Amino acid sequence: AAEGVKQHGRPNDLLARLSADAAFAGVDFGDVMNPARFTGLAPRQTRRFIAEHIEPVRRRFSKEIGGEVELKV
């Protein structure tokens, strides 16, 4: 697959090849290739950061949030 992509400009058909191989018959490649499986603790860390750092600032400046803003560059 890599040679076809690099040397001949073909599309990467690695997943199609693996799906067709009997040795990988039990593998759900749709699930295995789901990017959400590779985020680790990032979602939890993001929620915690927002709760601890962003929300206090939003509460403090709640009167100013949502108003009209004019930006000149």
C-alpha atoms as a PDB file:
ATOM      1  CA  ALA A   1       0.000   0.000   0.000  1.00  0.00           C
ATOM      2  CA  ALA A   2       2.771   2.445   0.930  1.00  0.00           C
ATOM      3  CA  GLU A   3       4.667   1.769  -2.292  1.00  0.00           C
ATOM      4  CA  GLY A   4       1.544   2.358  -4.354  1.00  0.00           C
ATOM      5  CA  VAL A   5       0.950   5.682  -2.651  1.00  0.00           C
ATOM      6  CA  LYS A   6       4.553   6.894  -2.656  1.00  0.00           C
ATOM      7  CA  GLN A   7       5.806   5.570  -5.968  1.00  0.00           C
ATOM      8  CA  HIS A   8       2.670   5.613  -8.115  1.00  0.00           C
ATOM      9  CA  GLY A   9       0.379   8.209  -6.527  1.00  0.00           C
ATOM     10  CA  ARG A  10      -2.350   5.655  -5.912  1.00  0.00           C
ATOM     11  CA  PRO A  11      -4.904   6.036  -3.104  1.00  0.00           C
ATOM     12  CA  ASN A  12      -4.034   4.307   0.160  1.00  0.00           C
ATOM     13  CA  ASP A  13      -5.914   1.001   0.134  1.00  0.00           C
ATOM     14  CA  LEU A  14      -4.325  -0.491   3.253  1.00  0.00           C
ATOM     15  CA  LEU A  15      -7.600  -0.752   5.195  1.00  0.00           C
ATOM     16  CA  ALA A  16      -9.344  -2.408   2.243  1.00  0.00           C
ATOM     17  CA  ARG A  17      -6.499  -4.913   1.967  1.00  0.00           C
ATOM     18  CA  LEU A  18      -6.567  -5.687   5.685  1.00  0.00           C
ATOM     19  CA  SER A  19     -10.366  -6.001   5.683  1.00  0.00           C
ATOM     20  CA  ALA A  20     -10.127  -8.558   2.867  1.00  0.00           C
ATOM     21  CA  ASP A  21      -7.496 -10.614   4.734  1.00  0.00           C
ATOM     22  CA  ALA A  22      -8.943 -13.548   6.706  1.00  0.00           C
ATOM     23  CA  ALA A  23      -6.417 -12.934   9.483  1.00  0.00           C
ATOM     24  CA  PHE A  24      -8.228  -9.671  10.264  1.00  0.00           C
ATOM     25  CA  ALA A  25     -11.798 -10.993   9.891  1.00  0.00           C
ATOM     26  CA  GLY A  26     -12.742 -10.130  13.475  1.00  0.00           C
ATOM     27  CA  VAL A  27     -11.421  -6.569  13.400  1.00  0.00           C
ATOM     28  CA  ASP A  28     -13.907  -3.699  13.139  1.00  0.00           C
ATOM     29  CA  PHE A  29     -11.760  -1.181  11.289  1.00  0.00           C
ATOM     30  CA  GLY A  30     -14.440   1.490  11.572  1.00  0.00           C
ATOM     31  CA  ASP A  31     -14.131   1.314  15.349  1.00  0.00           C
ATOM     32  CA  VAL A  32     -10.348   0.884  15.386  1.00  0.00           C
ATOM     33  CA  MET A  33      -9.851   3.957  13.180  1.00  0.00           C
ATOM     34  CA  ASN A  34     -12.253   6.165  15.180  1.00  0.00           C
ATOM     35  CA  PRO A  35     -10.204   9.261  16.131  1.00  0.00           C
ATOM     36  CA  ALA A  36     -12.125   9.587  19.402  1.00  0.00           C
ATOM     37  CA  ARG A  37     -10.326   6.471  20.619  1.00  0.00           C
ATOM     38  CA  PHE A  38      -7.004   8.320  20.551  1.00  0.00           C
ATOM     39  CA  THR A  39      -7.792  11.432  22.580  1.00  0.00           C
ATOM     40  CA  GLY A  40      -6.896   9.948  25.953  1.00  0.00           C
ATOM     41  CA  LEU A  41      -7.677  12.293  28.827  1.00  0.00           C
ATOM     42  CA  ALA A  42      -7.986  15.383  26.615  1.00  0.00           C
ATOM     43  CA  PRO A  43     -11.803  15.676  26.845  1.00  0.00           C
ATOM     44  CA  ARG A  44     -11.753  15.400  30.654  1.00  0.00           C
ATOM     45  CA  GLN A  45      -8.805  17.783  30.950  1.00  0.00           C
ATOM     46  CA  THR A  46     -10.534  20.293  28.686  1.00  0.00           C
ATOM     47  CA  ARG A  47     -13.762  20.211  30.715  1.00  0.00           C
ATOM     48  CA  ARG A  48     -11.768  20.666  33.921  1.00  0.00           C
ATOM     49  CA  PHE A  49      -9.765  23.582  32.478  1.00  0.00           C
ATOM     50  CA  ILE A  50     -12.952  25.298  31.338  1.00  0.00           C
ATOM     51  CA  ALA A  51     -14.610  24.769  34.718  1.00  0.00           C
ATOM     52  CA  GLU A  52     -11.600  25.962  36.727  1.00  0.00           C
ATOM     53  CA  HIS A  53     -10.216  28.768  34.557  1.00  0.00           C
ATOM     54  CA  ILE A  54     -12.675  29.903  31.903  1.00  0.00           C
ATOM     55  CA  GLU A  55     -15.996  29.830  33.750  1.00  0.00           C
ATOM     56  CA  PRO A  56     -14.786  32.093  36.603  1.00  0.00           C
ATOM     57  CA  VAL A  57     -13.710  34.695  34.023  1.00  0.00           C
ATOM     58  CA  ARG A  58     -17.017  34.361  32.179  1.00  0.00           C
ATOM     59  CA  ARG A  59     -18.937  34.854  35.435  1.00  0.00           C
ATOM     60  CA  ARG A  60     -16.776  37.843  36.381  1.00  0.00           C
ATOM     61  CA  PHE A  61     -17.378  39.554  33.037  1.00  0.00           C
ATOM     62  CA  SER A  62     -20.895  38.242  32.367  1.00  0.00           C
ATOM     63  CA  LYS A  63     -22.270  41.768  31.876  1.00  0.00           C
ATOM     64  CA  GLU A  64     -19.757  42.471  29.121  1.00  0.00           C
ATOM     65  CA  ILE A  65     -20.170  39.150  27.306  1.00  0.00           C
ATOM     66  CA  GLY A  66     -22.572  39.139  24.392  1.00  0.00           C
ATOM     67  CA  GLY A  67     -22.451  42.826  23.604  1.00  0.00           C
ATOM     68  CA  GLU A  68     -21.626  44.461  20.322  1.00  0.00           C
ATOM     69  CA  VAL A  69     -17.961  44.438  19.355  1.00  0.00           C
ATOM     70  CA  GLU A  70     -16.330  46.495  16.631  1.00  0.00           C
ATOM     71  CA  LEU A  71     -12.914  45.391  15.446  1.00  0.00           C
ATOM     72  CA  LYS A  72     -10.779  47.512  13.148  1.00  0.00           C
ATOM     73  CA  VAL A  73      -7.634  46.068  11.678  1.00  0.00           C
END
